[in-house]
Amino acid sequence: MEKTNIGFAITGSFCTHEKILQVIQNLVGQGHEVFPIVSEITSKTSTRFGEFDEFLSTLEEITGHKPLGNIVAVEPTGPQNLFEILVVAPCTGNTLAKIANGINDTAVTMAVKAHVRNNKPVVIGISTNDGLGLNFKNLGTLFAAKNFYFVPFGQDDHMNKPKSLVADWSLLEETIAKAKEEKQIQPVLI
């Protein structure tokens, strides 16, 4: 894949953050310029998976860019045409619903709005406990929308969480490359 300016928006699926950091490190290691964006909840919440300040610090260390964490900081990225592609990963069900319904009240949803107005691709790496529940309609809405591409996903624990979906993070880079060609990687359901 050609070297690319990538906006990388991270929401509060905290259990996936360690894997996401590895993906970002791989992208940077391949020479891509990665600009981190974090949801407000991600920018100020510590969990059993880690401390928020350590996560933000690691993001900045890996990318060389301070994470953007509010609407005011993110809004100019659209008019500046800063990114060639925007990745939202992990994308929680809450964020998925807001994107599908045009709600722009967080740093991440504003980044999507600002990017989509430039008619450029958005890659979504889903991580939600209700993807096969109430959020199923939002998946369908974005599958039918122009410029949205999904990292292949499947059920991560069908016995204990039968409505849960999570992206296969090992396919994120390939999904980005295909999305740049305006193609959805297949198969999308794994």
C-alpha atoms as a PDB file:
ATOM      1  CA  MET A   1       0.000   0.000   0.000  1.00  0.00           C
ATOM      2  CA  GLU A   2       1.251   3.504  -0.859  1.00  0.00           C
ATOM      3  CA  LYS A   3       2.197   5.703   2.045  1.00  0.00           C
ATOM      4  CA  THR A   4      -0.977   7.365   3.271  1.00  0.00           C
ATOM      5  CA  ASN A   5      -2.171  10.064   5.669  1.00  0.00           C
ATOM      6  CA  ILE A   6      -4.541   8.146   7.922  1.00  0.00           C
ATOM      7  CA  GLY A   7      -6.898   9.603  10.491  1.00  0.00           C
ATOM      8  CA  PHE A   8      -7.323   6.901  13.136  1.00  0.00           C
ATOM      9  CA  ALA A   9     -10.317   7.372  15.438  1.00  0.00           C
ATOM     10  CA  ILE A  10     -10.542   5.237  18.573  1.00  0.00           C
ATOM     11  CA  THR A  11     -13.668   4.755  20.667  1.00  0.00           C
ATOM     12  CA  GLY A  12     -14.273   3.154  24.057  1.00  0.00           C
ATOM     13  CA  SER A  13     -14.061  -0.559  23.370  1.00  0.00           C
ATOM     14  CA  PHE A  14     -11.237  -0.662  25.883  1.00  0.00           C
ATOM     15  CA  CYS A  15     -10.639  -4.404  25.650  1.00  0.00           C
ATOM     16  CA  THR A  16      -9.377  -3.911  22.069  1.00  0.00           C
ATOM     17  CA  HIS A  17      -7.067  -0.945  22.664  1.00  0.00           C
ATOM     18  CA  GLU A  18      -3.899  -3.012  23.028  1.00  0.00           C
ATOM     19  CA  LYS A  19      -4.532  -4.669  19.653  1.00  0.00           C
ATOM     20  CA  ILE A  20      -5.305  -1.295  18.080  1.00  0.00           C
ATOM     21  CA  LEU A  21      -2.014   0.135  19.314  1.00  0.00           C
ATOM     22  CA  GLN A  22      -0.204  -2.725  17.574  1.00  0.00           C
ATOM     23  CA  VAL A  23      -2.070  -2.035  14.317  1.00  0.00           C
ATOM     24  CA  ILE A  24      -1.181   1.660  14.520  1.00  0.00           C
ATOM     25  CA  GLN A  25       2.441   0.809  15.226  1.00  0.00           C
ATOM     26  CA  ASN A  26       2.489  -1.451  12.147  1.00  0.00           C
ATOM     27  CA  LEU A  27       1.014   1.329   9.986  1.00  0.00           C
ATOM     28  CA  VAL A  28       3.565   3.859  11.223  1.00  0.00           C
ATOM     29  CA  GLY A  29       6.347   1.292  10.749  1.00  0.00           C
ATOM     30  CA  GLN A  30       5.333   0.996   7.089  1.00  0.00           C
ATOM     31  CA  GLY A  31       5.777   4.745   6.673  1.00  0.00           C
ATOM     32  CA  HIS A  32       2.158   5.877   6.925  1.00  0.00           C
ATOM     33  CA  GLU A  33       1.387   9.140   8.697  1.00  0.00           C
ATOM     34  CA  VAL A  34      -1.185   8.338  11.387  1.00  0.00           C
ATOM     35  CA  PHE A  35      -3.144  11.074  13.157  1.00  0.00           C
ATOM     36  CA  PRO A  36      -4.870   9.734  16.300  1.00  0.00           C
ATOM     37  CA  ILE A  37      -8.362  10.855  17.270  1.00  0.00           C
ATOM     38  CA  VAL A  38      -9.954   9.633  20.478  1.00  0.00           C
ATOM     39  CA  SER A  39     -13.489   9.790  21.760  1.00  0.00           C
ATOM     40  CA  GLU A  40     -14.042  11.897  24.836  1.00  0.00           C
ATOM     41  CA  ILE A  41     -14.669   8.780  26.929  1.00  0.00           C
ATOM     42  CA  THR A  42     -11.397   7.238  25.714  1.00  0.00           C
ATOM     43  CA  SER A  43      -9.494  10.428  26.499  1.00  0.00           C
ATOM     44  CA  LYS A  44     -10.476  10.455  30.181  1.00  0.00           C
ATOM     45  CA  THR A  45     -11.447   6.971  31.335  1.00  0.00           C
ATOM     46  CA  SER A  46      -9.189   4.442  33.028  1.00  0.00           C
ATOM     47  CA  THR A  47     -10.400   0.836  33.094  1.00  0.00           C
ATOM     48  CA  ARG A  48      -9.167  -2.595  34.083  1.00  0.00           C
ATOM     49  CA  PHE A  49      -7.526  -2.630  30.638  1.00  0.00           C
ATOM     50  CA  GLY A  50      -5.327   0.387  31.366  1.00  0.00           C
ATOM     51  CA  GLU A  51      -4.933   3.994  32.390  1.00  0.00           C
ATOM     52  CA  PHE A  52      -6.150   6.642  29.950  1.00  0.00           C
ATOM     53  CA  ASP A  53      -3.068   8.857  30.330  1.00  0.00           C
ATOM     54  CA  GLU A  54      -0.738   5.967  29.510  1.00  0.00           C
ATOM     55  CA  PHE A  55      -2.841   5.076  26.454  1.00  0.00           C
ATOM     56  CA  LEU A  56      -2.803   8.665  25.147  1.00  0.00           C
ATOM     57  CA  SER A  57       0.902   8.952  25.824  1.00  0.00           C
ATOM     58  CA  THR A  58       1.613   5.716  23.947  1.00  0.00           C
ATOM     59  CA  LEU A  59      -0.503   6.892  21.003  1.00  0.00           C
ATOM     60  CA  GLU A  60       1.462  10.134  20.799  1.00  0.00           C
ATOM     61  CA  GLU A  61       4.776   8.297  21.133  1.00  0.00           C
ATOM     62  CA  ILE A  62       3.905   5.860  18.322  1.00  0.00           C
ATOM     63  CA  THR A  63       2.437   8.409  15.899  1.00  0.00           C
ATOM     64  CA  GLY A  64       4.340  11.573  16.759  1.00  0.00           C
ATOM     65  CA  HIS A  65       0.991  13.390  16.976  1.00  0.00           C
ATOM     66  CA  LYS A  66      -0.965  14.426  20.039  1.00  0.00           C
ATOM     67  CA  PRO A  67      -4.369  12.689  19.948  1.00  0.00           C
ATOM     68  CA  LEU A  68      -7.261  14.951  18.993  1.00  0.00           C
ATOM     69  CA  GLY A  69      -9.964  14.493  21.614  1.00  0.00           C
ATOM     70  CA  ASN A  70     -12.700  17.058  21.114  1.00  0.00           C
ATOM     71  CA  ILE A  71     -14.954  18.467  18.420  1.00  0.00           C
ATOM     72  CA  VAL A  72     -13.125  21.792  18.177  1.00  0.00           C
ATOM     73  CA  ALA A  73      -9.774  20.073  17.560  1.00  0.00           C
ATOM     74  CA  VAL A  74     -11.193  17.651  14.988  1.00  0.00           C
ATOM     75  CA  GLU A  75     -13.503  19.876  12.921  1.00  0.00           C
ATOM     76  CA  PRO A  76     -10.719  21.584  10.892  1.00  0.00           C
ATOM     77  CA  THR A  77      -9.450  18.237   9.561  1.00  0.00           C
ATOM     78  CA  GLY A  78     -12.235  18.262   6.950  1.00  0.00           C
ATOM     79  CA  PRO A  79     -11.601  21.718   5.471  1.00  0.00           C
ATOM     80  CA  GLN A  80      -7.848  21.020   5.656  1.00  0.00           C
ATOM     81  CA  ASN A  81      -8.461  17.780   3.713  1.00  0.00           C
ATOM     82  CA  LEU A  82      -5.901  16.275   6.085  1.00  0.00           C
ATOM     83  CA  PHE A  83      -6.595  12.543   5.688  1.00  0.00           C
ATOM     84  CA  GLU A  84      -6.706  10.302   2.652  1.00  0.00           C
ATOM     85  CA  ILE A  85      -8.635   7.763   4.671  1.00  0.00           C
ATOM     86  CA  LEU A  86     -10.283   7.717   8.082  1.00  0.00           C
ATOM     87  CA  VAL A  87     -10.342   4.589  10.233  1.00  0.00           C
ATOM     88  CA  VAL A  88     -12.758   4.207  13.149  1.00  0.00           C
ATOM     89  CA  ALA A  89     -11.462   1.266  15.162  1.00  0.00           C
ATOM     90  CA  PRO A  90     -12.627   0.072  17.505  1.00  0.00           C
ATOM     91  CA  CYS A  91     -16.047   1.403  16.609  1.00  0.00           C
ATOM     92  CA  THR A  92     -18.520   0.818  19.424  1.00  0.00           C
ATOM     93  CA  GLY A  93     -22.218   0.277  18.828  1.00  0.00           C
ATOM     94  CA  ASN A  94     -22.885   3.740  20.251  1.00  0.00           C
ATOM     95  CA  THR A  95     -20.571   5.389  17.723  1.00  0.00           C
ATOM     96  CA  LEU A  96     -21.873   3.183  14.904  1.00  0.00           C
ATOM     97  CA  ALA A  97     -25.441   4.323  15.673  1.00  0.00           C
ATOM     98  CA  LYS A  98     -24.429   7.974  15.719  1.00  0.00           C
ATOM     99  CA  ILE A  99     -22.560   7.710  12.405  1.00  0.00           C
ATOM    100  CA  ALA A 100     -25.445   5.870  10.738  1.00  0.00           C
ATOM    101  CA  ASN A 101     -27.911   8.507  11.928  1.00  0.00           C
ATOM    102  CA  GLY A 102     -25.817  11.597  11.230  1.00  0.00           C
ATOM    103  CA  ILE A 103     -25.259  12.537  14.871  1.00  0.00           C
ATOM    104  CA  ASN A 104     -22.043  14.541  15.279  1.00  0.00           C
ATOM    105  CA  ASP A 105     -21.630  15.167  18.977  1.00  0.00           C
ATOM    106  CA  THR A 106     -18.219  13.611  19.687  1.00  0.00           C
ATOM    107  CA  ALA A 107     -14.687  14.013  18.366  1.00  0.00           C
ATOM    108  CA  VAL A 108     -14.988  10.729  16.464  1.00  0.00           C
ATOM    109  CA  THR A 109     -18.371  11.409  14.871  1.00  0.00           C
ATOM    110  CA  MET A 110     -17.232  14.926  13.915  1.00  0.00           C
ATOM    111  CA  ALA A 111     -14.119  13.428  12.313  1.00  0.00           C
ATOM    112  CA  VAL A 112     -16.347  11.147  10.226  1.00  0.00           C
ATOM    113  CA  LYS A 113     -18.594  14.044   9.187  1.00  0.00           C
ATOM    114  CA  ALA A 114     -15.606  16.248   8.329  1.00  0.00           C
ATOM    115  CA  HIS A 115     -13.999  13.439   6.316  1.00  0.00           C
ATOM    116  CA  VAL A 116     -17.110  12.246   4.451  1.00  0.00           C
ATOM    117  CA  ARG A 117     -17.793  15.722   3.106  1.00  0.00           C
ATOM    118  CA  ASN A 118     -14.533  15.329   1.175  1.00  0.00           C
ATOM    119  CA  ASN A 119     -15.994  12.189  -0.452  1.00  0.00           C
ATOM    120  CA  LYS A 120     -13.229   9.969   0.910  1.00  0.00           C
ATOM    121  CA  PRO A 121     -13.322   6.462   2.429  1.00  0.00           C
ATOM    122  CA  VAL A 122     -14.106   5.645   6.040  1.00  0.00           C
ATOM    123  CA  VAL A 123     -13.054   2.229   7.343  1.00  0.00           C
ATOM    124  CA  ILE A 124     -14.979   0.859  10.301  1.00  0.00           C
ATOM    125  CA  GLY A 125     -13.611  -1.825  12.607  1.00  0.00           C
ATOM    126  CA  ILE A 126     -16.592  -2.809  14.707  1.00  0.00           C
ATOM    127  CA  SER A 127     -16.421  -3.917  18.327  1.00  0.00           C
ATOM    128  CA  THR A 128     -19.840  -4.050  19.957  1.00  0.00           C
ATOM    129  CA  ASN A 129     -21.934  -6.322  22.126  1.00  0.00           C
ATOM    130  CA  ASP A 130     -25.106  -5.464  20.197  1.00  0.00           C
ATOM    131  CA  GLY A 131     -24.091  -5.712  16.531  1.00  0.00           C
ATOM    132  CA  LEU A 132     -26.682  -8.431  15.936  1.00  0.00           C
ATOM    133  CA  GLY A 133     -29.226  -6.655  18.127  1.00  0.00           C
ATOM    134  CA  LEU A 134     -30.496  -3.103  17.902  1.00  0.00           C
ATOM    135  CA  ASN A 135     -27.359  -2.000  16.034  1.00  0.00           C
ATOM    136  CA  PHE A 136     -27.923  -4.458  13.197  1.00  0.00           C
ATOM    137  CA  LYS A 137     -29.973  -1.846  11.323  1.00  0.00           C
ATOM    138  CA  ASN A 138     -27.116   0.654  11.659  1.00  0.00           C
ATOM    139  CA  LEU A 139     -24.709  -1.834  10.117  1.00  0.00           C
ATOM    140  CA  GLY A 140     -27.105  -2.155   7.187  1.00  0.00           C
ATOM    141  CA  THR A 141     -27.426   1.602   6.849  1.00  0.00           C
ATOM    142  CA  LEU A 142     -23.660   2.055   6.577  1.00  0.00           C
ATOM    143  CA  PHE A 143     -23.196  -0.948   4.282  1.00  0.00           C
ATOM    144  CA  ALA A 144     -25.594   0.756   1.883  1.00  0.00           C
ATOM    145  CA  ALA A 145     -23.924   4.185   2.214  1.00  0.00           C
ATOM    146  CA  LYS A 146     -21.214   5.451  -0.101  1.00  0.00           C
ATOM    147  CA  ASN A 147     -17.617   5.607   1.176  1.00  0.00           C
ATOM    148  CA  PHE A 148     -18.041   3.275   4.170  1.00  0.00           C
ATOM    149  CA  TYR A 149     -16.012   0.056   4.303  1.00  0.00           C
ATOM    150  CA  PHE A 150     -15.877  -2.583   7.026  1.00  0.00           C
ATOM    151  CA  VAL A 151     -13.013  -4.596   8.440  1.00  0.00           C
ATOM    152  CA  PRO A 152     -14.264  -8.205   8.202  1.00  0.00           C
ATOM    153  CA  PHE A 153     -15.969  -9.191  11.422  1.00  0.00           C
ATOM    154  CA  GLY A 154     -17.625 -12.073  13.213  1.00  0.00           C
ATOM    155  CA  GLN A 155     -19.051 -13.162  16.522  1.00  0.00           C
ATOM    156  CA  ASP A 156     -16.346 -13.206  19.156  1.00  0.00           C
ATOM    157  CA  ASP A 157     -18.171 -15.276  21.786  1.00  0.00           C
ATOM    158  CA  HIS A 158     -21.439 -16.604  20.343  1.00  0.00           C
ATOM    159  CA  MET A 159     -22.266 -18.708  23.400  1.00  0.00           C
ATOM    160  CA  ASN A 160     -21.965 -15.991  26.047  1.00  0.00           C
ATOM    161  CA  LYS A 161     -22.529 -12.896  23.904  1.00  0.00           C
ATOM    162  CA  PRO A 162     -24.752 -14.010  20.997  1.00  0.00           C
ATOM    163  CA  LYS A 163     -25.244 -10.478  19.611  1.00  0.00           C
ATOM    164  CA  SER A 164     -21.604  -9.392  19.898  1.00  0.00           C
ATOM    165  CA  LEU A 165     -19.454  -8.590  16.846  1.00  0.00           C
ATOM    166  CA  VAL A 166     -15.762  -7.776  16.574  1.00  0.00           C
ATOM    167  CA  ALA A 167     -13.513  -6.992  13.633  1.00  0.00           C
ATOM    168  CA  ASP A 168     -10.562  -9.181  12.688  1.00  0.00           C
ATOM    169  CA  TRP A 169      -7.803  -6.660  13.391  1.00  0.00           C
ATOM    170  CA  SER A 170      -5.310  -8.640  11.296  1.00  0.00           C
ATOM    171  CA  LEU A 171      -7.335  -7.587   8.224  1.00  0.00           C
ATOM    172  CA  LEU A 172      -7.385  -3.852   8.955  1.00  0.00           C
ATOM    173  CA  GLU A 173      -4.425  -2.953   6.741  1.00  0.00           C
ATOM    174  CA  GLU A 174      -5.836  -4.931   3.807  1.00  0.00           C
ATOM    175  CA  THR A 175      -9.232  -3.282   4.346  1.00  0.00           C
ATOM    176  CA  ILE A 176      -7.581   0.159   4.176  1.00  0.00           C
ATOM    177  CA  ALA A 177      -5.836  -0.746   0.926  1.00  0.00           C
ATOM    178  CA  LYS A 178      -9.093  -1.982  -0.649  1.00  0.00           C
ATOM    179  CA  ALA A 179     -11.060   1.027   0.599  1.00  0.00           C
ATOM    180  CA  LYS A 180      -8.559   3.329  -1.107  1.00  0.00           C
ATOM    181  CA  GLU A 181      -9.605   1.537  -4.313  1.00  0.00           C
ATOM    182  CA  GLU A 182     -13.272   2.029  -3.334  1.00  0.00           C
ATOM    183  CA  LYS A 183     -13.720  -1.712  -2.782  1.00  0.00           C
ATOM    184  CA  GLN A 184     -15.008  -3.671   0.183  1.00  0.00           C
ATOM    185  CA  ILE A 185     -12.673  -6.493   1.234  1.00  0.00           C
ATOM    186  CA  GLN A 186     -14.416  -9.873   0.974  1.00  0.00           C
ATOM    187  CA  PRO A 187     -15.627 -11.911   2.662  1.00  0.00           C
ATOM    188  CA  VAL A 188     -16.812  -9.351   5.190  1.00  0.00           C
ATOM    189  CA  LEU A 189     -18.442 -11.939   7.479  1.00  0.00           C
ATOM    190  CA  ILE A 190     -15.935 -14.335   8.983  1.00  0.00           C
END
